Amino acid sequence: MTARKKLLGDWMGRLTKVAMSGPEPYAVVLAELQGLRERVPRLTGALVASGDGLLITHDLPGHIEPDGMAALTASHLALSYRLASTAHGGGFDEVVVHGSGGYVVIYTAGWASLTVLAESEVNVGRLHLESRPVARAIADHLTVLSNGPRHKQSTKVE
C-alpha cells in the first residue's frame, strides 16, 4: 500500500460518522442479521441502512443490489413516517409490504433501519417476534459505534 492510499484511508476513517474500531466496524451488526436469518425459517435476507439511504451492512441474496435496496428502504421509511405522523400525529416503528413473492418489513433501528425480506410462507408473527428485538439491539450497537468509547464519569453522592 502506498503512503498516499494509507493517508487517504486515515482521512476517510476520521470523516465517517462511526469510529473505526478494526477492519469491519459493523461486524457485530452483521452477526445480528445472520443470527436472525438462522432463527427465522423462510427469511431470505436482511440489511441495515442509515436514514438517508446509505448501506451500513447486509446479508442479502446475490440477486439483490444492496445499495439500491438501502436507498429504496430509506425512501419508503420516509413516506411511512410521514403517513403515520399525518394520520396519528405520532412516531413510526415498522412497515410491512406483502407482495405476491413475499414480505419486505422495515423496522426503525435508532438513526438507521432494519429491513428483512421473507418468503410468502413465512410465519409473520415469528418474523416480528424475532426482528423487533434485533432492531433494538442494532440501534444500541450503532449508538455505541457512532459515539465511540466513552469514559465513565464519577458521580458524587452527597
N, C-alpha and C. Protein backbone atom coordinates (compact mmCIF):
# COMPACT_ATOMS: atom_id res chain seq x y z
N MET A 1 0.85 -1.17 0.00
CA MET A 1 0.00 0.00 0.00
C MET A 1 0.90 1.24 0.00
N THR A 2 0.56 2.15 -0.86
CA THR A 2 1.36 3.37 -0.94
C THR A 2 1.02 4.28 0.22
N ALA A 3 1.93 5.20 0.50
CA ALA A 3 1.71 6.15 1.59
C ALA A 3 0.50 7.02 1.31
N ARG A 4 0.27 7.34 0.05
CA ARG A 4 -0.87 8.18 -0.32
C ARG A 4 -2.19 7.47 -0.03
N LYS A 5 -2.28 6.18 -0.38
CA LYS A 5 -3.51 5.43 -0.11
C LYS A 5 -3.73 5.28 1.39
N LYS A 6 -2.65 5.05 2.14
CA LYS A 6 -2.78 4.93 3.58
C LYS A 6 -3.29 6.23 4.19
N LEU A 7 -2.75 7.34 3.75
CA LEU A 7 -3.19 8.64 4.25
C LEU A 7 -4.66 8.88 3.90
N LEU A 8 -5.06 8.54 2.68
CA LEU A 8 -6.45 8.70 2.27
C LEU A 8 -7.36 7.84 3.15
N GLY A 9 -6.93 6.61 3.42
CA GLY A 9 -7.70 5.73 4.30
C GLY A 9 -7.84 6.30 5.70
N ASP A 10 -6.77 6.88 6.22
CA ASP A 10 -6.83 7.51 7.54
C ASP A 10 -7.80 8.68 7.55
N TRP A 11 -7.77 9.49 6.51
CA TRP A 11 -8.69 10.64 6.43
C TRP A 11 -10.14 10.17 6.35
N MET A 12 -10.38 9.15 5.54
CA MET A 12 -11.74 8.64 5.40
C MET A 12 -12.24 8.09 6.73
N GLY A 13 -11.38 7.44 7.47
CA GLY A 13 -11.76 6.92 8.78
C GLY A 13 -12.16 8.03 9.74
N ARG A 14 -11.49 9.17 9.65
CA ARG A 14 -11.81 10.30 10.52
C ARG A 14 -13.08 11.01 10.09
N LEU A 15 -13.41 10.95 8.81
CA LEU A 15 -14.56 11.68 8.30
C LEU A 15 -15.86 10.91 8.42
N THR A 16 -15.79 9.62 8.69
CA THR A 16 -17.01 8.84 8.78
C THR A 16 -17.72 9.13 10.09
N LYS A 17 -19.02 8.82 10.10
CA LYS A 17 -19.84 9.06 11.27
C LYS A 17 -19.47 8.13 12.41
N VAL A 18 -19.03 6.93 12.08
CA VAL A 18 -18.77 5.90 13.08
C VAL A 18 -17.28 5.72 13.27
N ALA A 19 -16.86 5.66 14.52
CA ALA A 19 -15.44 5.45 14.82
C ALA A 19 -15.03 4.06 14.34
N MET A 20 -13.94 3.98 13.66
CA MET A 20 -13.45 2.71 13.14
C MET A 20 -12.76 1.97 14.28
N SER A 21 -13.20 0.75 14.55
CA SER A 21 -12.61 0.00 15.65
C SER A 21 -11.88 -1.24 15.17
N GLY A 22 -11.66 -1.37 13.91
CA GLY A 22 -10.99 -2.54 13.35
C GLY A 22 -11.32 -2.63 11.88
N PRO A 23 -11.02 -3.76 11.30
CA PRO A 23 -11.24 -3.89 9.87
C PRO A 23 -12.72 -3.80 9.48
N GLU A 24 -13.63 -4.28 10.31
CA GLU A 24 -15.06 -4.23 10.00
C GLU A 24 -15.82 -3.74 11.22
N PRO A 25 -16.09 -2.44 11.29
CA PRO A 25 -16.74 -1.91 12.49
C PRO A 25 -18.16 -2.41 12.67
N TYR A 26 -18.78 -2.89 11.60
CA TYR A 26 -20.16 -3.33 11.70
C TYR A 26 -20.29 -4.84 11.81
N ALA A 27 -19.24 -5.52 12.19
CA ALA A 27 -19.27 -6.98 12.30
C ALA A 27 -20.34 -7.44 13.29
N VAL A 28 -20.50 -6.73 14.38
CA VAL A 28 -21.50 -7.10 15.38
C VAL A 28 -22.91 -6.93 14.82
N VAL A 29 -23.13 -5.92 13.98
CA VAL A 29 -24.43 -5.72 13.35
C VAL A 29 -24.70 -6.82 12.33
N LEU A 30 -23.69 -7.17 11.55
CA LEU A 30 -23.82 -8.26 10.59
C LEU A 30 -24.12 -9.57 11.31
N ALA A 31 -23.51 -9.79 12.44
CA ALA A 31 -23.77 -11.00 13.23
C ALA A 31 -25.24 -11.05 13.67
N GLU A 32 -25.80 -9.91 14.02
CA GLU A 32 -27.23 -9.85 14.37
C GLU A 32 -28.09 -10.28 13.18
N LEU A 33 -27.75 -9.80 11.99
CA LEU A 33 -28.51 -10.15 10.78
C LEU A 33 -28.41 -11.64 10.49
N GLN A 34 -27.22 -12.18 10.59
CA GLN A 34 -27.02 -13.60 10.32
C GLN A 34 -27.73 -14.47 11.35
N GLY A 35 -27.72 -14.05 12.60
CA GLY A 35 -28.44 -14.78 13.65
C GLY A 35 -29.93 -14.77 13.40
N LEU A 36 -30.45 -13.63 12.98
CA LEU A 36 -31.87 -13.52 12.66
C LEU A 36 -32.24 -14.46 11.52
N ARG A 37 -31.40 -14.51 10.51
CA ARG A 37 -31.66 -15.39 9.36
C ARG A 37 -31.66 -16.86 9.78
N GLU A 38 -30.81 -17.21 10.72
CA GLU A 38 -30.76 -18.59 11.20
C GLU A 38 -31.98 -18.96 12.04
N ARG A 39 -32.52 -17.99 12.78
CA ARG A 39 -33.64 -18.25 13.68
C ARG A 39 -35.00 -18.24 12.99
N VAL A 40 -35.15 -17.53 11.89
CA VAL A 40 -36.45 -17.38 11.25
C VAL A 40 -36.47 -18.17 9.94
N PRO A 41 -37.22 -19.28 9.92
CA PRO A 41 -37.33 -20.02 8.67
C PRO A 41 -37.99 -19.17 7.58
N ARG A 42 -37.52 -19.30 6.37
CA ARG A 42 -38.04 -18.61 5.19
C ARG A 42 -37.65 -17.13 5.12
N LEU A 43 -36.77 -16.69 6.02
CA LEU A 43 -36.20 -15.34 5.90
C LEU A 43 -35.13 -15.43 4.81
N THR A 44 -35.21 -14.55 3.82
CA THR A 44 -34.29 -14.66 2.69
C THR A 44 -33.16 -13.65 2.72
N GLY A 45 -33.27 -12.62 3.54
CA GLY A 45 -32.19 -11.64 3.62
C GLY A 45 -32.55 -10.49 4.54
N ALA A 46 -31.54 -9.68 4.84
CA ALA A 46 -31.74 -8.53 5.70
C ALA A 46 -30.65 -7.50 5.42
N LEU A 47 -30.97 -6.26 5.72
CA LEU A 47 -29.98 -5.20 5.59
C LEU A 47 -30.24 -4.11 6.61
N VAL A 48 -29.19 -3.36 6.90
CA VAL A 48 -29.29 -2.19 7.77
C VAL A 48 -28.81 -1.00 6.97
N ALA A 49 -29.61 0.06 6.97
CA ALA A 49 -29.29 1.27 6.23
C ALA A 49 -29.50 2.48 7.12
N SER A 50 -28.77 3.54 6.82
CA SER A 50 -28.96 4.80 7.56
C SER A 50 -30.26 5.45 7.09
N GLY A 51 -30.72 6.43 7.83
CA GLY A 51 -31.95 7.13 7.48
C GLY A 51 -31.89 7.84 6.14
N ASP A 52 -30.68 8.15 5.68
CA ASP A 52 -30.54 8.81 4.38
C ASP A 52 -30.23 7.84 3.25
N GLY A 53 -30.37 6.54 3.51
CA GLY A 53 -30.26 5.55 2.46
C GLY A 53 -28.89 4.98 2.19
N LEU A 54 -27.94 5.23 3.07
CA LEU A 54 -26.61 4.66 2.89
C LEU A 54 -26.55 3.27 3.53
N LEU A 55 -26.02 2.32 2.80
CA LEU A 55 -25.91 0.96 3.28
C LEU A 55 -24.92 0.89 4.43
N ILE A 56 -25.33 0.24 5.51
CA ILE A 56 -24.44 0.01 6.65
C ILE A 56 -23.86 -1.40 6.55
N THR A 57 -24.71 -2.39 6.46
CA THR A 57 -24.28 -3.77 6.24
C THR A 57 -25.47 -4.58 5.76
N HIS A 58 -25.20 -5.75 5.19
CA HIS A 58 -26.30 -6.56 4.67
C HIS A 58 -25.97 -8.03 4.69
N ASP A 59 -27.03 -8.81 4.63
CA ASP A 59 -26.98 -10.26 4.47
C ASP A 59 -28.07 -10.59 3.46
N LEU A 60 -27.86 -10.16 2.22
CA LEU A 60 -28.85 -10.30 1.16
C LEU A 60 -28.44 -11.37 0.16
N PRO A 61 -29.42 -11.95 -0.53
CA PRO A 61 -29.08 -12.88 -1.60
C PRO A 61 -28.39 -12.12 -2.75
N GLY A 62 -27.64 -12.85 -3.56
CA GLY A 62 -26.82 -12.24 -4.60
C GLY A 62 -27.57 -11.48 -5.67
N HIS A 63 -28.85 -11.79 -5.89
CA HIS A 63 -29.59 -11.12 -6.96
C HIS A 63 -30.13 -9.74 -6.56
N ILE A 64 -29.97 -9.36 -5.31
CA ILE A 64 -30.44 -8.04 -4.84
C ILE A 64 -29.25 -7.13 -4.66
N GLU A 65 -29.30 -5.97 -5.27
CA GLU A 65 -28.23 -4.98 -5.19
C GLU A 65 -28.38 -4.23 -3.86
N PRO A 66 -27.44 -4.36 -2.92
CA PRO A 66 -27.59 -3.82 -1.57
C PRO A 66 -27.73 -2.30 -1.50
N ASP A 67 -26.95 -1.56 -2.28
CA ASP A 67 -27.03 -0.09 -2.21
C ASP A 67 -28.37 0.41 -2.71
N GLY A 68 -28.88 -0.18 -3.78
CA GLY A 68 -30.19 0.20 -4.29
C GLY A 68 -31.30 -0.12 -3.32
N MET A 69 -31.20 -1.28 -2.67
CA MET A 69 -32.20 -1.68 -1.69
C MET A 69 -32.16 -0.75 -0.48
N ALA A 70 -30.98 -0.33 -0.08
CA ALA A 70 -30.85 0.61 1.04
C ALA A 70 -31.53 1.94 0.71
N ALA A 71 -31.33 2.42 -0.52
CA ALA A 71 -31.96 3.68 -0.94
C ALA A 71 -33.48 3.54 -0.99
N LEU A 72 -33.98 2.43 -1.51
CA LEU A 72 -35.43 2.19 -1.54
C LEU A 72 -36.00 2.13 -0.13
N THR A 73 -35.28 1.48 0.76
CA THR A 73 -35.71 1.38 2.16
C THR A 73 -35.86 2.77 2.78
N ALA A 74 -34.88 3.61 2.56
CA ALA A 74 -34.92 4.96 3.16
C ALA A 74 -36.09 5.77 2.62
N SER A 75 -36.34 5.68 1.32
CA SER A 75 -37.46 6.46 0.77
C SER A 75 -38.80 5.92 1.27
N HIS A 76 -38.92 4.60 1.38
CA HIS A 76 -40.16 4.03 1.90
C HIS A 76 -40.34 4.37 3.38
N LEU A 77 -39.27 4.36 4.11
CA LEU A 77 -39.30 4.70 5.52
C LEU A 77 -39.76 6.15 5.71
N ALA A 78 -39.24 7.06 4.89
CA ALA A 78 -39.63 8.47 4.98
C ALA A 78 -41.12 8.65 4.68
N LEU A 79 -41.60 7.97 3.64
CA LEU A 79 -43.03 8.06 3.31
C LEU A 79 -43.90 7.48 4.43
N SER A 80 -43.48 6.36 4.97
CA SER A 80 -44.24 5.72 6.04
C SER A 80 -44.28 6.58 7.29
N TYR A 81 -43.14 7.20 7.62
CA TYR A 81 -43.11 8.10 8.77
C TYR A 81 -44.08 9.27 8.56
N ARG A 82 -44.04 9.83 7.37
CA ARG A 82 -44.93 10.97 7.05
C ARG A 82 -46.40 10.55 7.13
N LEU A 83 -46.72 9.39 6.61
CA LEU A 83 -48.08 8.88 6.65
C LEU A 83 -48.54 8.67 8.09
N ALA A 84 -47.69 8.04 8.91
CA ALA A 84 -48.05 7.78 10.30
C ALA A 84 -48.21 9.08 11.09
N SER A 85 -47.31 10.03 10.87
CA SER A 85 -47.40 11.28 11.63
C SER A 85 -48.59 12.12 11.18
N THR A 86 -48.95 12.05 9.91
CA THR A 86 -50.12 12.79 9.43
C THR A 86 -51.41 12.17 9.95
N ALA A 87 -51.48 10.84 9.92
CA ALA A 87 -52.70 10.16 10.32
C ALA A 87 -52.91 10.14 11.82
N HIS A 88 -51.84 9.96 12.58
CA HIS A 88 -51.98 9.78 14.02
C HIS A 88 -51.17 10.75 14.86
N GLY A 89 -50.34 11.56 14.24
CA GLY A 89 -49.56 12.53 14.97
C GLY A 89 -48.46 11.94 15.83
N GLY A 90 -48.17 10.69 15.64
CA GLY A 90 -47.15 10.05 16.46
C GLY A 90 -45.98 9.57 15.65
N GLY A 91 -45.16 8.76 16.29
CA GLY A 91 -43.97 8.24 15.66
C GLY A 91 -44.27 7.04 14.77
N PHE A 92 -43.23 6.42 14.31
CA PHE A 92 -43.33 5.31 13.38
C PHE A 92 -42.38 4.21 13.83
N ASP A 93 -42.83 2.96 13.78
CA ASP A 93 -41.99 1.85 14.22
C ASP A 93 -41.66 0.86 13.12
N GLU A 94 -42.63 0.50 12.29
CA GLU A 94 -42.39 -0.51 11.26
C GLU A 94 -43.42 -0.41 10.15
N VAL A 95 -43.07 -0.98 9.02
CA VAL A 95 -43.98 -1.06 7.89
C VAL A 95 -43.83 -2.44 7.26
N VAL A 96 -44.95 -3.03 6.86
CA VAL A 96 -44.97 -4.34 6.25
C VAL A 96 -45.50 -4.21 4.83
N VAL A 97 -44.74 -4.73 3.88
CA VAL A 97 -45.17 -4.78 2.49
C VAL A 97 -45.31 -6.25 2.13
N HIS A 98 -46.52 -6.65 1.74
CA HIS A 98 -46.76 -8.04 1.37
C HIS A 98 -47.06 -8.08 -0.12
N GLY A 99 -46.12 -8.64 -0.87
CA GLY A 99 -46.30 -8.79 -2.30
C GLY A 99 -46.55 -10.24 -2.66
N SER A 100 -46.76 -10.50 -3.92
CA SER A 100 -47.04 -11.87 -4.36
C SER A 100 -45.84 -12.79 -4.14
N GLY A 101 -44.63 -12.24 -4.10
CA GLY A 101 -43.43 -13.06 -3.91
C GLY A 101 -42.94 -13.14 -2.49
N GLY A 102 -43.54 -12.39 -1.58
CA GLY A 102 -43.09 -12.44 -0.19
C GLY A 102 -43.29 -11.13 0.54
N TYR A 103 -42.56 -10.99 1.63
CA TYR A 103 -42.67 -9.83 2.51
C TYR A 103 -41.39 -9.01 2.52
N VAL A 104 -41.57 -7.71 2.67
CA VAL A 104 -40.50 -6.79 3.00
C VAL A 104 -40.98 -6.04 4.23
N VAL A 105 -40.22 -6.13 5.31
CA VAL A 105 -40.60 -5.45 6.55
C VAL A 105 -39.46 -4.53 6.94
N ILE A 106 -39.80 -3.28 7.22
CA ILE A 106 -38.80 -2.28 7.61
C ILE A 106 -39.10 -1.86 9.05
N TYR A 107 -38.10 -1.98 9.90
CA TYR A 107 -38.20 -1.59 11.31
C TYR A 107 -37.27 -0.42 11.56
N THR A 108 -37.69 0.52 12.39
CA THR A 108 -36.76 1.57 12.79
C THR A 108 -35.74 0.97 13.74
N ALA A 109 -34.51 1.46 13.63
CA ALA A 109 -33.42 0.98 14.49
C ALA A 109 -32.56 2.18 14.86
N GLY A 110 -33.10 3.04 15.71
CA GLY A 110 -32.39 4.27 16.07
C GLY A 110 -32.31 5.19 14.88
N TRP A 111 -31.10 5.63 14.53
CA TRP A 111 -30.91 6.52 13.38
C TRP A 111 -30.83 5.74 12.07
N ALA A 112 -31.04 4.42 12.16
CA ALA A 112 -30.97 3.56 10.98
C ALA A 112 -32.26 2.75 10.88
N SER A 113 -32.27 1.80 9.95
CA SER A 113 -33.41 0.92 9.80
C SER A 113 -32.93 -0.50 9.52
N LEU A 114 -33.76 -1.44 9.93
CA LEU A 114 -33.55 -2.85 9.65
C LEU A 114 -34.60 -3.27 8.64
N THR A 115 -34.18 -3.81 7.52
CA THR A 115 -35.11 -4.32 6.51
C THR A 115 -34.91 -5.81 6.41
N VAL A 116 -36.03 -6.56 6.50
CA VAL A 116 -35.96 -8.01 6.35
C VAL A 116 -36.82 -8.43 5.18
N LEU A 117 -36.33 -9.44 4.46
CA LEU A 117 -37.04 -10.00 3.32
C LEU A 117 -37.38 -11.44 3.64
N ALA A 118 -38.61 -11.84 3.32
CA ALA A 118 -39.03 -13.20 3.64
C ALA A 118 -39.96 -13.73 2.55
N GLU A 119 -40.00 -15.04 2.45
CA GLU A 119 -40.89 -15.70 1.50
C GLU A 119 -42.34 -15.54 1.94
N SER A 120 -43.27 -15.78 1.03
CA SER A 120 -44.70 -15.65 1.33
C SER A 120 -45.16 -16.58 2.44
N GLU A 121 -44.50 -17.73 2.57
CA GLU A 121 -44.93 -18.73 3.54
C GLU A 121 -44.38 -18.49 4.94
N VAL A 122 -43.67 -17.38 5.16
CA VAL A 122 -43.08 -17.11 6.47
C VAL A 122 -44.19 -16.93 7.51
N ASN A 123 -43.88 -17.31 8.73
CA ASN A 123 -44.78 -17.04 9.84
C ASN A 123 -44.53 -15.59 10.25
N VAL A 124 -45.46 -14.70 9.90
CA VAL A 124 -45.26 -13.26 10.12
C VAL A 124 -45.16 -12.92 11.60
N GLY A 125 -45.91 -13.61 12.44
CA GLY A 125 -45.80 -13.38 13.88
C GLY A 125 -44.41 -13.70 14.39
N ARG A 126 -43.86 -14.82 13.94
CA ARG A 126 -42.49 -15.20 14.33
C ARG A 126 -41.48 -14.20 13.79
N LEU A 127 -41.72 -13.75 12.57
CA LEU A 127 -40.83 -12.75 11.96
C LEU A 127 -40.76 -11.49 12.83
N HIS A 128 -41.92 -10.99 13.25
CA HIS A 128 -41.94 -9.81 14.12
C HIS A 128 -41.33 -10.11 15.49
N LEU A 129 -41.67 -11.26 16.05
CA LEU A 129 -41.17 -11.63 17.37
C LEU A 129 -39.65 -11.67 17.41
N GLU A 130 -39.02 -12.12 16.34
CA GLU A 130 -37.57 -12.20 16.29
C GLU A 130 -36.92 -10.89 15.82
N SER A 131 -37.58 -10.17 14.90
CA SER A 131 -36.97 -8.99 14.28
C SER A 131 -37.01 -7.74 15.15
N ARG A 132 -38.07 -7.54 15.90
CA ARG A 132 -38.18 -6.33 16.71
C ARG A 132 -37.04 -6.19 17.73
N PRO A 133 -36.72 -7.26 18.49
CA PRO A 133 -35.58 -7.13 19.41
C PRO A 133 -34.25 -6.93 18.68
N VAL A 134 -34.11 -7.52 17.50
CA VAL A 134 -32.88 -7.34 16.72
C VAL A 134 -32.76 -5.88 16.30
N ALA A 135 -33.86 -5.26 15.90
CA ALA A 135 -33.83 -3.84 15.52
C ALA A 135 -33.38 -2.98 16.71
N ARG A 136 -33.89 -3.30 17.91
CA ARG A 136 -33.47 -2.55 19.10
C ARG A 136 -31.99 -2.79 19.41
N ALA A 137 -31.54 -4.03 19.26
CA ALA A 137 -30.13 -4.34 19.50
C ALA A 137 -29.23 -3.62 18.50
N ILE A 138 -29.65 -3.58 17.25
CA ILE A 138 -28.88 -2.88 16.23
C ILE A 138 -28.81 -1.40 16.55
N ALA A 139 -29.92 -0.82 16.99
CA ALA A 139 -29.92 0.60 17.38
C ALA A 139 -28.90 0.83 18.49
N ASP A 140 -28.85 -0.07 19.46
CA ASP A 140 -27.89 0.05 20.56
C ASP A 140 -26.45 -0.07 20.05
N HIS A 141 -26.20 -1.06 19.19
CA HIS A 141 -24.85 -1.24 18.64
C HIS A 141 -24.40 -0.01 17.86
N LEU A 142 -25.29 0.53 17.04
CA LEU A 142 -24.93 1.69 16.22
C LEU A 142 -24.70 2.93 17.07
N THR A 143 -25.45 3.05 18.15
CA THR A 143 -25.23 4.17 19.06
C THR A 143 -23.84 4.09 19.69
N VAL A 144 -23.47 2.90 20.13
CA VAL A 144 -22.14 2.71 20.72
C VAL A 144 -21.06 2.98 19.68
N LEU A 145 -21.24 2.45 18.46
CA LEU A 145 -20.24 2.65 17.41
C LEU A 145 -20.11 4.12 17.01
N SER A 146 -21.24 4.82 16.94
CA SER A 146 -21.18 6.22 16.50
C SER A 146 -20.67 7.15 17.58
N ASN A 147 -20.83 6.76 18.84
CA ASN A 147 -20.34 7.60 19.94
C ASN A 147 -18.89 7.30 20.29
N GLY A 148 -18.40 6.15 19.88
CA GLY A 148 -17.03 5.78 20.21
C GLY A 148 -16.92 5.43 21.68
N PRO A 149 -15.72 5.13 22.12
CA PRO A 149 -15.54 4.77 23.53
C PRO A 149 -15.83 5.96 24.44
N ARG A 150 -16.50 5.69 25.49
CA ARG A 150 -16.84 6.74 26.46
C ARG A 150 -16.15 6.44 27.78
N HIS A 151 -15.79 7.49 28.44
CA HIS A 151 -15.20 7.35 29.77
C HIS A 151 -16.30 7.49 30.79
N LYS A 152 -16.26 6.65 31.79
CA LYS A 152 -17.24 6.76 32.86
C LYS A 152 -16.97 8.02 33.67
N GLN A 153 -18.04 8.72 33.97
CA GLN A 153 -17.90 9.89 34.82
C GLN A 153 -18.33 9.50 36.23
N SER A 154 -17.50 9.85 37.16
CA SER A 154 -17.88 9.52 38.53
C SER A 154 -18.88 10.55 39.04
N THR A 155 -19.82 10.07 39.79
CA THR A 155 -20.82 10.97 40.37
C THR A 155 -20.66 10.93 41.87
N LYS A 156 -20.70 12.08 42.48
CA LYS A 156 -20.58 12.18 43.93
C LYS A 156 -21.97 12.15 44.54
N VAL A 157 -22.09 11.40 45.57
CA VAL A 157 -23.34 11.39 46.32
C VAL A 157 -23.08 12.13 47.61
N GLU A 158 -23.80 13.19 47.79
CA GLU A 158 -23.57 14.00 48.99
C GLU A 158 -24.73 13.91 49.93
